[in-house]
C-alpha cells in the first residue's frame, strides 16, 4: 500500500521474484488497503504512512486481527511512526531497505516474529525518548508482574534481538522464547514486539 505507483511497482517486482512470497493485491491509499486486506486476508501488509483518504496509521489500526502490518517509512520525516507503534504495527521498514532485507522482513513478520532491525530500533528509541511528554506506552505498570526470565527476555527485545537470537543468548529453546514473548505482551497489554522493545529501553531494562 503506497500512493506512489513507482514504489508499488518496485515492491511487487522484488517480492514476486522469490518463490515463497506472493503479492495478492496493491493499494494506492489507506481505504483501499483496508478494503483489499479484508477481502484477500493477506499474511502481511506493507503499509506506507502518508497516503490520501486514510493514512497508514489509521489503516493499521483497522487491520488489527486481520493482517500483520509492516510500516514503510522515510522515518526521519514521519511523525506518524509513533501512532503506528501504538496501533500495533508489527515492524518498520525504511524505504531505502535493500531487496534481500525487504524479503527477509516479510518472511519474519509472516512467521509471527515482527521485524525490529537493531538500527531501526535504536532510531525509534532515540526519537521516542524525545517525545515522552506526548507519547507514552502504558505497559510499564505491568513490568512488576513479569517473572525474572520474562524480564530477561524483555531486555533482549529492547536490544532488538529476534526469537532465535534470544534463545541462543538465554540458552533456551526458540519455542520457549516465543511463549515468553507472548506472555510478556499479554501481561503488559502491548500489541507488538516493537512496543515491548521501546518499553524496555524507556524503563532502562538491561541484560546483566
N, C-alpha and C. Protein backbone atom coordinates (compact mmCIF):
# COMPACT_ATOMS: atom_id res chain seq x y z
N UNK A 1 0.85 -1.18 0.00
CA UNK A 1 0.00 0.00 0.00
C UNK A 1 0.89 1.23 0.00
N UNK A 2 0.85 1.96 -1.11
CA UNK A 2 1.66 3.17 -1.25
C UNK A 2 1.03 4.02 -2.34
N UNK A 3 0.99 5.33 -2.13
CA UNK A 3 0.33 6.18 -3.12
C UNK A 3 1.21 6.48 -4.33
N UNK A 4 2.45 6.03 -4.30
CA UNK A 4 3.34 6.22 -5.45
C UNK A 4 3.41 4.93 -6.25
N UNK A 5 2.93 5.01 -7.48
CA UNK A 5 2.88 3.83 -8.33
C UNK A 5 4.24 3.20 -8.57
N UNK A 6 5.26 4.03 -8.71
CA UNK A 6 6.60 3.50 -8.96
C UNK A 6 7.12 2.70 -7.77
N UNK A 7 6.79 3.16 -6.57
CA UNK A 7 7.20 2.43 -5.36
C UNK A 7 6.49 1.08 -5.31
N UNK A 8 5.19 1.08 -5.58
CA UNK A 8 4.45 -0.18 -5.57
C UNK A 8 5.02 -1.15 -6.60
N UNK A 9 5.31 -0.64 -7.79
CA UNK A 9 5.84 -1.50 -8.85
C UNK A 9 7.17 -2.12 -8.44
N UNK A 10 8.00 -1.33 -7.78
CA UNK A 10 9.28 -1.85 -7.32
C UNK A 10 9.13 -2.93 -6.27
N UNK A 11 8.21 -2.70 -5.33
CA UNK A 11 7.96 -3.68 -4.28
C UNK A 11 7.43 -4.99 -4.87
N UNK A 12 6.49 -4.87 -5.79
CA UNK A 12 5.91 -6.06 -6.42
C UNK A 12 7.00 -6.84 -7.16
N UNK A 13 7.85 -6.13 -7.89
CA UNK A 13 8.92 -6.76 -8.66
C UNK A 13 9.84 -7.56 -7.73
N UNK A 14 10.18 -6.96 -6.61
CA UNK A 14 11.09 -7.63 -5.66
C UNK A 14 10.42 -8.84 -5.03
N UNK A 15 9.21 -8.66 -4.52
CA UNK A 15 8.56 -9.72 -3.76
C UNK A 15 8.10 -10.88 -4.64
N UNK A 16 7.65 -10.58 -5.84
CA UNK A 16 7.21 -11.65 -6.73
C UNK A 16 8.37 -12.42 -7.36
N UNK A 17 9.59 -11.95 -7.11
CA UNK A 17 10.76 -12.63 -7.69
C UNK A 17 11.22 -13.81 -6.84
N UNK A 18 10.66 -13.95 -5.63
CA UNK A 18 11.05 -15.07 -4.78
C UNK A 18 9.90 -16.07 -4.70
N UNK A 19 10.22 -17.37 -4.66
CA UNK A 19 9.18 -18.40 -4.80
C UNK A 19 8.21 -18.51 -3.63
N UNK A 20 8.63 -18.10 -2.43
CA UNK A 20 7.77 -18.31 -1.26
C UNK A 20 6.96 -17.08 -0.87
N UNK A 21 6.98 -16.05 -1.69
CA UNK A 21 6.20 -14.83 -1.42
C UNK A 21 5.31 -14.54 -2.62
N UNK A 22 4.06 -14.22 -2.36
CA UNK A 22 3.12 -13.88 -3.43
C UNK A 22 2.42 -12.56 -3.09
N UNK A 23 2.47 -11.63 -4.01
CA UNK A 23 1.74 -10.37 -3.85
C UNK A 23 0.31 -10.60 -4.33
N UNK A 24 -0.66 -10.39 -3.42
CA UNK A 24 -2.05 -10.67 -3.76
C UNK A 24 -2.86 -9.41 -4.05
N UNK A 25 -2.28 -8.23 -3.77
CA UNK A 25 -3.03 -7.01 -4.04
C UNK A 25 -2.16 -5.78 -3.88
N UNK A 26 -2.62 -4.67 -4.49
CA UNK A 26 -1.96 -3.38 -4.38
C UNK A 26 -3.00 -2.32 -4.03
N UNK A 27 -2.58 -1.34 -3.24
CA UNK A 27 -3.49 -0.27 -2.86
C UNK A 27 -2.79 1.07 -2.97
N UNK A 28 -3.53 2.09 -3.42
CA UNK A 28 -2.96 3.43 -3.59
C UNK A 28 -3.28 4.36 -2.43
N UNK A 29 -4.09 3.88 -1.47
CA UNK A 29 -4.40 4.69 -0.29
C UNK A 29 -4.86 3.76 0.83
N UNK A 30 -5.02 4.33 2.02
CA UNK A 30 -5.36 3.53 3.18
C UNK A 30 -6.72 2.86 3.10
N UNK A 31 -7.70 3.56 2.57
CA UNK A 31 -9.04 2.97 2.47
C UNK A 31 -9.02 1.74 1.58
N UNK A 32 -8.33 1.84 0.46
CA UNK A 32 -8.23 0.71 -0.46
C UNK A 32 -7.46 -0.43 0.19
N UNK A 33 -6.43 -0.10 0.95
CA UNK A 33 -5.64 -1.13 1.62
C UNK A 33 -6.48 -1.92 2.60
N UNK A 34 -7.29 -1.22 3.39
CA UNK A 34 -8.14 -1.89 4.37
C UNK A 34 -9.17 -2.77 3.67
N UNK A 35 -9.80 -2.24 2.62
CA UNK A 35 -10.83 -2.99 1.89
C UNK A 35 -10.24 -4.26 1.28
N UNK A 36 -9.08 -4.12 0.63
CA UNK A 36 -8.45 -5.28 -0.01
C UNK A 36 -7.99 -6.30 1.02
N UNK A 37 -7.44 -5.83 2.13
CA UNK A 37 -6.97 -6.76 3.16
C UNK A 37 -8.12 -7.55 3.75
N UNK A 38 -9.25 -6.88 3.95
CA UNK A 38 -10.42 -7.59 4.48
C UNK A 38 -10.92 -8.63 3.49
N UNK A 39 -10.78 -8.32 2.21
CA UNK A 39 -11.25 -9.25 1.18
C UNK A 39 -10.26 -10.39 0.94
N UNK A 40 -8.98 -10.07 0.87
CA UNK A 40 -7.96 -11.04 0.46
C UNK A 40 -7.29 -11.76 1.62
N UNK A 41 -7.38 -11.20 2.82
CA UNK A 41 -6.80 -11.81 4.02
C UNK A 41 -5.32 -12.18 3.82
N UNK A 42 -4.48 -11.21 3.52
CA UNK A 42 -3.05 -11.50 3.36
C UNK A 42 -2.40 -11.76 4.72
N UNK A 43 -1.24 -12.38 4.69
CA UNK A 43 -0.48 -12.60 5.93
C UNK A 43 0.17 -11.30 6.38
N UNK A 44 0.68 -10.52 5.42
CA UNK A 44 1.43 -9.31 5.72
C UNK A 44 0.97 -8.18 4.80
N UNK A 45 0.86 -6.98 5.35
CA UNK A 45 0.59 -5.78 4.55
C UNK A 45 1.77 -4.83 4.70
N UNK A 46 2.35 -4.42 3.57
CA UNK A 46 3.37 -3.36 3.57
C UNK A 46 2.62 -2.05 3.45
N UNK A 47 2.76 -1.19 4.45
CA UNK A 47 1.91 0.00 4.54
C UNK A 47 2.74 1.29 4.61
N UNK A 48 2.52 2.15 3.64
CA UNK A 48 3.11 3.48 3.69
C UNK A 48 2.39 4.28 4.77
N UNK A 49 3.05 5.30 5.28
CA UNK A 49 2.42 6.14 6.31
C UNK A 49 1.55 7.22 5.69
N UNK A 50 2.13 7.99 4.83
CA UNK A 50 1.43 9.16 4.28
C UNK A 50 0.74 8.80 2.98
N UNK A 51 -0.59 8.64 3.06
CA UNK A 51 -1.40 8.31 1.89
C UNK A 51 -2.70 9.10 1.94
N UNK A 52 -3.31 9.34 0.79
CA UNK A 52 -4.58 10.07 0.76
C UNK A 52 -5.73 9.24 1.32
N UNK A 53 -6.81 9.95 1.64
CA UNK A 53 -8.08 9.38 2.13
C UNK A 53 -7.95 8.75 3.53
N UNK A 54 -7.03 7.81 3.71
CA UNK A 54 -6.82 7.21 5.03
C UNK A 54 -5.33 6.95 5.18
N UNK A 55 -4.73 7.52 6.22
CA UNK A 55 -3.28 7.36 6.37
C UNK A 55 -2.93 5.97 6.89
N UNK A 56 -1.64 5.65 6.85
CA UNK A 56 -1.20 4.31 7.22
C UNK A 56 -1.43 3.96 8.67
N UNK A 57 -1.41 4.95 9.55
CA UNK A 57 -1.65 4.69 10.97
C UNK A 57 -3.09 4.24 11.19
N UNK A 58 -4.03 4.98 10.65
CA UNK A 58 -5.44 4.63 10.81
C UNK A 58 -5.74 3.29 10.15
N UNK A 59 -5.13 3.06 9.00
CA UNK A 59 -5.33 1.79 8.31
C UNK A 59 -4.77 0.62 9.12
N UNK A 60 -3.61 0.83 9.73
CA UNK A 60 -3.01 -0.21 10.57
C UNK A 60 -3.93 -0.55 11.73
N UNK A 61 -4.50 0.46 12.34
CA UNK A 61 -5.42 0.25 13.47
C UNK A 61 -6.63 -0.58 13.02
N UNK A 62 -7.14 -0.31 11.84
CA UNK A 62 -8.32 -1.03 11.35
C UNK A 62 -8.00 -2.47 10.97
N UNK A 63 -6.72 -2.76 10.71
CA UNK A 63 -6.33 -4.10 10.28
C UNK A 63 -5.92 -5.00 11.45
N UNK A 64 -6.06 -4.53 12.68
CA UNK A 64 -5.72 -5.35 13.84
C UNK A 64 -6.53 -6.65 13.80
N UNK A 65 -5.84 -7.78 13.89
CA UNK A 65 -6.51 -9.07 13.86
C UNK A 65 -6.77 -9.59 12.46
N UNK A 66 -6.52 -8.77 11.44
CA UNK A 66 -6.73 -9.20 10.06
C UNK A 66 -5.42 -9.55 9.39
N UNK A 67 -4.42 -8.70 9.56
CA UNK A 67 -3.11 -8.94 8.95
C UNK A 67 -2.05 -8.22 9.76
N UNK A 68 -0.83 -8.74 9.73
CA UNK A 68 0.30 -8.05 10.35
C UNK A 68 0.77 -6.96 9.40
N UNK A 69 1.06 -5.79 9.96
CA UNK A 69 1.42 -4.64 9.13
C UNK A 69 2.88 -4.27 9.31
N UNK A 70 3.58 -4.16 8.19
CA UNK A 70 4.94 -3.64 8.16
C UNK A 70 4.86 -2.21 7.62
N UNK A 71 5.30 -1.28 8.42
CA UNK A 71 5.23 0.12 8.02
C UNK A 71 6.41 0.48 7.12
N UNK A 72 6.12 1.12 6.00
CA UNK A 72 7.14 1.65 5.10
C UNK A 72 7.28 3.14 5.39
N UNK A 73 8.47 3.58 5.73
CA UNK A 73 8.62 4.97 6.12
C UNK A 73 9.99 5.52 5.76
N UNK A 74 10.05 6.83 5.56
CA UNK A 74 11.34 7.51 5.44
C UNK A 74 11.87 7.82 6.83
N UNK A 75 11.07 7.59 7.82
CA UNK A 75 11.32 7.66 9.25
C UNK A 75 11.65 9.05 9.77
N UNK A 76 12.74 9.62 9.33
CA UNK A 76 13.12 10.92 9.89
C UNK A 76 12.04 11.98 9.68
N UNK A 77 11.23 11.80 8.65
CA UNK A 77 10.21 12.78 8.32
C UNK A 77 8.83 12.39 8.81
N UNK A 78 8.69 11.19 9.36
CA UNK A 78 7.36 10.67 9.67
C UNK A 78 7.02 10.76 11.15
N UNK A 79 6.32 11.81 11.53
CA UNK A 79 5.87 11.94 12.91
C UNK A 79 4.80 10.91 13.24
N UNK A 80 4.21 10.32 12.21
CA UNK A 80 3.13 9.36 12.43
C UNK A 80 3.64 7.99 12.88
N UNK A 81 4.95 7.79 12.86
CA UNK A 81 5.51 6.49 13.23
C UNK A 81 5.03 6.06 14.62
N UNK A 82 4.94 7.00 15.54
CA UNK A 82 4.58 6.66 16.90
C UNK A 82 3.11 6.29 17.01
N UNK A 83 2.30 6.86 16.15
CA UNK A 83 0.90 6.45 16.09
C UNK A 83 0.80 5.02 15.59
N UNK A 84 1.63 4.68 14.61
CA UNK A 84 1.63 3.32 14.08
C UNK A 84 2.10 2.33 15.13
N UNK A 85 3.05 2.75 15.94
CA UNK A 85 3.53 1.92 17.04
C UNK A 85 2.39 1.59 17.99
N UNK A 86 1.64 2.59 18.35
CA UNK A 86 0.52 2.38 19.26
C UNK A 86 -0.60 1.59 18.59
N UNK A 87 -0.70 1.69 17.27
CA UNK A 87 -1.75 0.98 16.54
C UNK A 87 -1.45 -0.50 16.39
N UNK A 88 -0.21 -0.91 16.75
CA UNK A 88 0.12 -2.32 16.72
C UNK A 88 0.89 -2.79 15.51
N UNK A 89 1.61 -1.89 14.84
CA UNK A 89 2.41 -2.29 13.69
C UNK A 89 3.39 -3.38 14.09
N UNK A 90 3.58 -4.36 13.22
CA UNK A 90 4.48 -5.48 13.51
C UNK A 90 5.93 -5.13 13.27
N UNK A 91 6.18 -4.03 12.58
CA UNK A 91 7.55 -3.64 12.33
C UNK A 91 7.63 -2.41 11.46
N UNK A 92 8.87 -1.97 11.25
CA UNK A 92 9.11 -0.76 10.47
C UNK A 92 10.20 -1.01 9.44
N UNK A 93 9.95 -0.63 8.20
CA UNK A 93 10.93 -0.71 7.13
C UNK A 93 11.28 0.69 6.68
N UNK A 94 12.55 0.98 6.54
CA UNK A 94 12.95 2.23 5.91
C UNK A 94 12.87 2.03 4.40
N UNK A 95 12.47 3.06 3.69
CA UNK A 95 12.25 2.92 2.26
C UNK A 95 13.53 2.70 1.46
N UNK A 96 14.67 2.90 2.08
CA UNK A 96 15.92 2.63 1.38
C UNK A 96 16.44 1.22 1.65
N UNK A 97 15.59 0.34 2.22
CA UNK A 97 15.99 -1.03 2.51
C UNK A 97 16.35 -1.76 1.22
N UNK A 98 17.35 -2.65 1.29
CA UNK A 98 17.72 -3.39 0.08
C UNK A 98 16.75 -4.54 -0.12
N UNK A 99 16.78 -5.11 -1.31
CA UNK A 99 15.79 -6.12 -1.71
C UNK A 99 15.81 -7.35 -0.81
N UNK A 100 17.00 -7.84 -0.50
CA UNK A 100 17.09 -9.05 0.32
C UNK A 100 16.52 -8.83 1.72
N UNK A 101 16.80 -7.68 2.31
CA UNK A 101 16.30 -7.40 3.64
C UNK A 101 14.78 -7.20 3.63
N UNK A 102 14.26 -6.64 2.56
CA UNK A 102 12.82 -6.49 2.42
C UNK A 102 12.14 -7.85 2.46
N UNK A 103 12.66 -8.77 1.67
CA UNK A 103 12.09 -10.12 1.63
C UNK A 103 12.23 -10.79 2.99
N UNK A 104 13.39 -10.64 3.61
CA UNK A 104 13.59 -11.23 4.94
C UNK A 104 12.57 -10.68 5.94
N UNK A 105 12.33 -9.37 5.88
CA UNK A 105 11.39 -8.75 6.81
C UNK A 105 9.99 -9.31 6.64
N UNK A 106 9.57 -9.48 5.41
CA UNK A 106 8.24 -10.04 5.14
C UNK A 106 8.15 -11.47 5.68
N UNK A 107 9.19 -12.25 5.46
CA UNK A 107 9.20 -13.63 5.97
C UNK A 107 9.14 -13.66 7.49
N UNK A 108 9.91 -12.79 8.13
CA UNK A 108 9.96 -12.76 9.59
C UNK A 108 8.59 -12.42 10.17
N UNK A 109 7.95 -11.40 9.61
CA UNK A 109 6.64 -11.00 10.11
C UNK A 109 5.58 -12.06 9.82
N UNK A 110 5.69 -12.69 8.65
CA UNK A 110 4.74 -13.75 8.31
C UNK A 110 4.86 -14.93 9.28
N UNK A 111 6.06 -15.10 9.83
CA UNK A 111 6.29 -16.19 10.79
C UNK A 111 5.84 -15.81 12.20
N UNK A 112 5.36 -14.58 12.35
CA UNK A 112 4.82 -14.15 13.64
C UNK A 112 5.81 -13.50 14.58
N UNK A 113 7.02 -13.19 14.08
CA UNK A 113 8.03 -12.64 14.99
C UNK A 113 8.03 -11.13 15.07
N UNK A 114 7.73 -10.45 13.99
CA UNK A 114 7.88 -9.00 13.99
C UNK A 114 9.28 -8.63 13.55
N UNK A 115 9.40 -7.51 12.84
CA UNK A 115 10.69 -7.10 12.30
C UNK A 115 11.18 -5.87 13.04
N UNK A 116 12.23 -6.06 13.82
CA UNK A 116 12.83 -4.94 14.53
C UNK A 116 14.33 -4.98 14.28
N UNK A 117 14.76 -4.40 13.17
CA UNK A 117 16.18 -4.34 12.89
C UNK A 117 16.85 -3.48 13.95
N UNK A 118 18.00 -3.92 14.49
CA UNK A 118 18.67 -3.15 15.54
C UNK A 118 18.86 -1.68 15.21
N UNK A 119 19.26 -1.37 13.98
CA UNK A 119 19.48 0.03 13.61
C UNK A 119 18.19 0.83 13.69
N UNK A 120 17.10 0.23 13.22
CA UNK A 120 15.81 0.91 13.26
C UNK A 120 15.34 1.05 14.71
N UNK A 121 15.56 0.00 15.50
CA UNK A 121 15.15 0.05 16.90
C UNK A 121 15.83 1.19 17.63
N UNK A 122 17.13 1.33 17.41
CA UNK A 122 17.87 2.40 18.08
C UNK A 122 17.33 3.76 17.69
N UNK A 123 17.00 3.94 16.41
CA UNK A 123 16.48 5.23 15.96
C UNK A 123 15.09 5.48 16.51
N UNK A 124 14.30 4.42 16.57
CA UNK A 124 12.97 4.54 17.17
C UNK A 124 13.07 4.97 18.63
N UNK A 125 13.95 4.30 19.35
CA UNK A 125 14.10 4.57 20.77
C UNK A 125 14.57 5.99 21.01
N UNK A 126 15.56 6.42 20.23
CA UNK A 126 16.09 7.78 20.38
C UNK A 126 15.01 8.82 20.13
N UNK A 127 14.27 8.63 19.03
CA UNK A 127 13.22 9.58 18.69
C UNK A 127 12.08 9.52 19.70
N UNK A 128 11.73 8.30 20.15
CA UNK A 128 10.65 8.13 21.11
C UNK A 128 10.97 8.83 22.42
N UNK A 129 12.24 8.72 22.85
CA UNK A 129 12.65 9.32 24.11
C UNK A 129 12.43 10.83 24.10
N UNK A 130 12.58 11.44 22.93
CA UNK A 130 12.40 12.88 22.82
C UNK A 130 10.95 13.30 22.80
N UNK A 131 10.04 12.32 22.76
CA UNK A 131 8.61 12.63 22.68
C UNK A 131 7.85 12.06 23.87
N UNK A 132 8.55 11.71 24.93
CA UNK A 132 7.89 11.06 26.06
C UNK A 132 6.79 11.91 26.67
N UNK A 133 6.91 13.22 26.55
CA UNK A 133 5.89 14.09 27.15
C UNK A 133 4.54 13.92 26.47
N UNK A 134 4.57 13.56 25.18
CA UNK A 134 3.31 13.46 24.45
C UNK A 134 2.97 12.04 24.02
N UNK A 135 3.96 11.16 23.97
CA UNK A 135 3.72 9.79 23.54
C UNK A 135 4.30 8.83 24.58
N UNK A 136 3.43 8.06 25.24
CA UNK A 136 3.92 7.12 26.24
C UNK A 136 3.17 5.80 26.09
N UNK A 137 3.87 4.74 26.44
CA UNK A 137 3.22 3.44 26.48
C UNK A 137 2.72 3.21 27.91
N UNK A 138 1.69 2.39 28.05
CA UNK A 138 1.09 2.16 29.36
C UNK A 138 1.53 0.84 30.00
N UNK A 139 2.47 0.16 29.37
CA UNK A 139 2.85 -1.17 29.86
C UNK A 139 3.75 -1.18 31.07
N UNK A 140 4.38 -0.06 31.41
CA UNK A 140 5.36 -0.06 32.49
C UNK A 140 4.78 -0.56 33.81
N UNK A 141 3.51 -0.26 34.06
CA UNK A 141 2.91 -0.65 35.33
C UNK A 141 2.81 -2.17 35.49
N UNK A 142 2.91 -2.91 34.37
CA UNK A 142 2.81 -4.36 34.45
C UNK A 142 4.14 -5.06 34.53
N UNK A 143 5.24 -4.33 34.46
CA UNK A 143 6.56 -4.95 34.46
C UNK A 143 6.80 -5.72 35.75
N UNK A 144 6.28 -5.22 36.86
CA UNK A 144 6.46 -5.90 38.14
C UNK A 144 5.84 -7.28 38.19
N UNK A 145 4.91 -7.56 37.27
CA UNK A 145 4.26 -8.87 37.23
C UNK A 145 5.07 -9.90 36.44
N UNK A 146 6.12 -9.47 35.78
CA UNK A 146 6.92 -10.38 34.97
C UNK A 146 7.81 -11.25 35.86
N UNK A 147 8.02 -12.47 35.44
CA UNK A 147 8.97 -13.34 36.12
C UNK A 147 10.39 -12.88 35.78
N UNK A 148 11.39 -13.30 36.55
CA UNK A 148 12.77 -12.93 36.23
C UNK A 148 13.16 -13.31 34.80
N UNK A 149 12.72 -14.49 34.36
CA UNK A 149 13.04 -14.93 32.99
C UNK A 149 12.37 -14.03 31.96
N UNK A 150 11.14 -13.65 32.21
CA UNK A 150 10.42 -12.77 31.29
C UNK A 150 11.09 -11.40 31.22
N UNK A 151 11.62 -10.95 32.34
CA UNK A 151 12.35 -9.67 32.33
C UNK A 151 13.61 -9.77 31.48
N UNK A 152 14.27 -10.92 31.54
CA UNK A 152 15.45 -11.13 30.70
C UNK A 152 15.07 -11.10 29.23
N UNK A 153 13.98 -11.75 28.88
CA UNK A 153 13.51 -11.77 27.50
C UNK A 153 13.13 -10.36 27.06
N UNK A 154 12.45 -9.62 27.92
CA UNK A 154 12.07 -8.25 27.59
C UNK A 154 13.31 -7.39 27.35
N UNK A 155 14.34 -7.58 28.14
CA UNK A 155 15.58 -6.83 27.94
C UNK A 155 16.19 -7.16 26.57
N UNK A 156 16.12 -8.42 26.19
CA UNK A 156 16.63 -8.82 24.87
C UNK A 156 15.81 -8.18 23.75
N UNK A 157 14.50 -8.09 23.95
CA UNK A 157 13.67 -7.41 22.96
C UNK A 157 14.10 -5.95 22.83
N UNK A 158 14.45 -5.36 23.96
CA UNK A 158 14.91 -3.98 23.95
C UNK A 158 16.18 -3.78 23.16
N UNK A 159 16.96 -4.85 23.03
CA UNK A 159 18.19 -4.80 22.24
C UNK A 159 17.93 -5.15 20.78
N UNK A 160 16.66 -5.42 20.44
CA UNK A 160 16.32 -5.70 19.05
C UNK A 160 16.61 -7.12 18.60
N UNK A 161 16.74 -8.06 19.55
CA UNK A 161 17.06 -9.43 19.19
C UNK A 161 15.83 -10.18 18.68
N UNK A 162 16.06 -11.09 17.73
CA UNK A 162 14.99 -11.96 17.23
C UNK A 162 14.78 -13.09 18.22
N UNK A 163 13.72 -13.90 18.00
CA UNK A 163 13.48 -15.03 18.88
C UNK A 163 14.66 -15.99 18.89
N UNK A 164 15.22 -16.24 17.71
CA UNK A 164 16.36 -17.14 17.62
C UNK A 164 17.56 -16.62 18.39
N UNK A 165 17.80 -15.32 18.28
CA UNK A 165 18.93 -14.71 18.99
C UNK A 165 18.70 -14.71 20.50
N UNK A 166 17.44 -14.48 20.91
CA UNK A 166 17.13 -14.52 22.34
C UNK A 166 17.34 -15.94 22.88
N UNK A 167 16.87 -16.94 22.13
CA UNK A 167 17.03 -18.33 22.54
C UNK A 167 18.50 -18.69 22.73
N UNK A 168 19.32 -18.23 21.80
CA UNK A 168 20.76 -18.52 21.88
C UNK A 168 21.39 -17.78 23.06
N UNK A 169 21.01 -16.53 23.25
CA UNK A 169 21.58 -15.72 24.32
C UNK A 169 21.22 -16.26 25.70
N UNK A 170 19.97 -16.69 25.86
CA UNK A 170 19.49 -17.13 27.17
C UNK A 170 19.51 -18.65 27.33
N UNK A 171 20.05 -19.34 26.30
CA UNK A 171 20.22 -20.81 26.36
C UNK A 171 18.89 -21.53 26.62
N UNK A 172 17.93 -21.27 25.75
CA UNK A 172 16.65 -21.97 25.84
C UNK A 172 16.11 -22.22 24.43
N UNK A 173 15.10 -23.05 24.33
CA UNK A 173 14.53 -23.39 23.04
C UNK A 173 13.80 -22.18 22.44
N UNK A 174 13.78 -22.12 21.11
CA UNK A 174 13.10 -21.00 20.45
C UNK A 174 11.61 -21.02 20.71
N UNK A 175 11.03 -22.21 20.81
CA UNK A 175 9.59 -22.30 21.11
C UNK A 175 9.29 -21.73 22.49
N UNK A 176 10.22 -21.96 23.42
CA UNK A 176 10.07 -21.39 24.77
C UNK A 176 10.14 -19.87 24.71
N UNK A 177 11.05 -19.37 23.88
CA UNK A 177 11.19 -17.93 23.71
C UNK A 177 9.88 -17.33 23.21
N UNK A 178 9.28 -17.95 22.20
CA UNK A 178 8.03 -17.45 21.65
C UNK A 178 6.94 -17.39 22.72
N UNK A 179 6.91 -18.42 23.57
CA UNK A 179 5.93 -18.45 24.66
C UNK A 179 6.16 -17.29 25.61
N UNK A 180 7.41 -17.05 25.97
CA UNK A 180 7.73 -15.93 26.86
C UNK A 180 7.32 -14.59 26.26
N UNK A 181 7.60 -14.41 24.97
CA UNK A 181 7.25 -13.15 24.31
C UNK A 181 5.74 -12.94 24.33
N UNK A 182 4.99 -13.99 24.03
CA UNK A 182 3.53 -13.88 24.05
C UNK A 182 3.02 -13.51 25.43
N UNK A 183 3.58 -14.11 26.46
CA UNK A 183 3.15 -13.83 27.83
C UNK A 183 3.51 -12.40 28.24
N UNK A 184 4.69 -11.95 27.81
CA UNK A 184 5.12 -10.58 28.12
C UNK A 184 4.15 -9.58 27.51
N UNK A 185 3.80 -9.76 26.24
CA UNK A 185 2.89 -8.84 25.58
C UNK A 185 1.53 -8.84 26.27
N UNK A 186 1.07 -10.02 26.67
CA UNK A 186 -0.23 -10.12 27.34
C UNK A 186 -0.21 -9.43 28.70
N UNK A 187 0.84 -9.68 29.48
CA UNK A 187 0.92 -9.08 30.82
C UNK A 187 1.05 -7.57 30.77
N UNK A 188 1.76 -7.07 29.76
CA UNK A 188 2.00 -5.63 29.68
C UNK A 188 0.94 -4.91 28.85
N UNK A 189 0.02 -5.66 28.25
CA UNK A 189 -1.03 -5.04 27.46
C UNK A 189 -0.50 -4.38 26.20
N UNK A 190 0.53 -4.99 25.61
CA UNK A 190 1.15 -4.43 24.40
C UNK A 190 0.73 -5.23 23.18
N UNK A 191 0.78 -4.58 22.03
CA UNK A 191 0.34 -5.24 20.80
C UNK A 191 1.47 -5.84 19.98
N UNK A 192 2.70 -5.37 20.18
CA UNK A 192 3.77 -5.81 19.30
C UNK A 192 5.12 -5.83 20.01
N UNK A 193 6.06 -6.52 19.38
CA UNK A 193 7.43 -6.57 19.88
C UNK A 193 8.07 -5.19 19.84
N UNK A 194 7.68 -4.39 18.88
CA UNK A 194 8.23 -3.04 18.80
C UNK A 194 7.88 -2.26 20.06
N UNK A 195 6.62 -2.34 20.48
CA UNK A 195 6.21 -1.66 21.70
C UNK A 195 6.99 -2.19 22.90
N UNK A 196 7.20 -3.51 22.95
CA UNK A 196 7.95 -4.10 24.05
C UNK A 196 9.39 -3.60 24.07
N UNK A 197 10.00 -3.49 22.89
CA UNK A 197 11.38 -3.02 22.80
C UNK A 197 11.50 -1.58 23.28
N UNK A 198 10.56 -0.74 22.87
CA UNK A 198 10.56 0.66 23.30
C UNK A 198 10.40 0.75 24.81
N UNK A 199 9.47 -0.04 25.35
CA UNK A 199 9.22 -0.01 26.79
C UNK A 199 10.47 -0.44 27.56
N UNK A 200 11.13 -1.49 27.10
CA UNK A 200 12.33 -1.99 27.78
C UNK A 200 13.39 -0.89 27.86
N UNK A 201 13.54 -0.16 26.77
CA UNK A 201 14.52 0.92 26.76
C UNK A 201 14.07 2.09 27.62
N UNK A 202 12.78 2.38 27.59
CA UNK A 202 12.26 3.52 28.32
C UNK A 202 12.44 3.36 29.83
N UNK A 203 12.30 2.12 30.32
CA UNK A 203 12.42 1.89 31.77
C UNK A 203 13.84 1.51 32.16
N UNK A 204 14.74 1.49 31.17
CA UNK A 204 16.14 1.20 31.46
C UNK A 204 16.43 -0.25 31.76
N UNK A 205 15.61 -1.17 31.23
CA UNK A 205 15.82 -2.59 31.47
C UNK A 205 17.00 -3.08 30.63
N UNK A 206 17.94 -3.76 31.26
CA UNK A 206 19.13 -4.22 30.52
C UNK A 206 19.49 -5.62 30.93
N UNK A 207 20.22 -6.29 30.06
CA UNK A 207 20.71 -7.63 30.37
C UNK A 207 21.94 -7.52 31.26
N UNK A 208 22.01 -8.34 32.28
CA UNK A 208 23.14 -8.30 33.20
C UNK A 208 24.09 -9.45 32.88
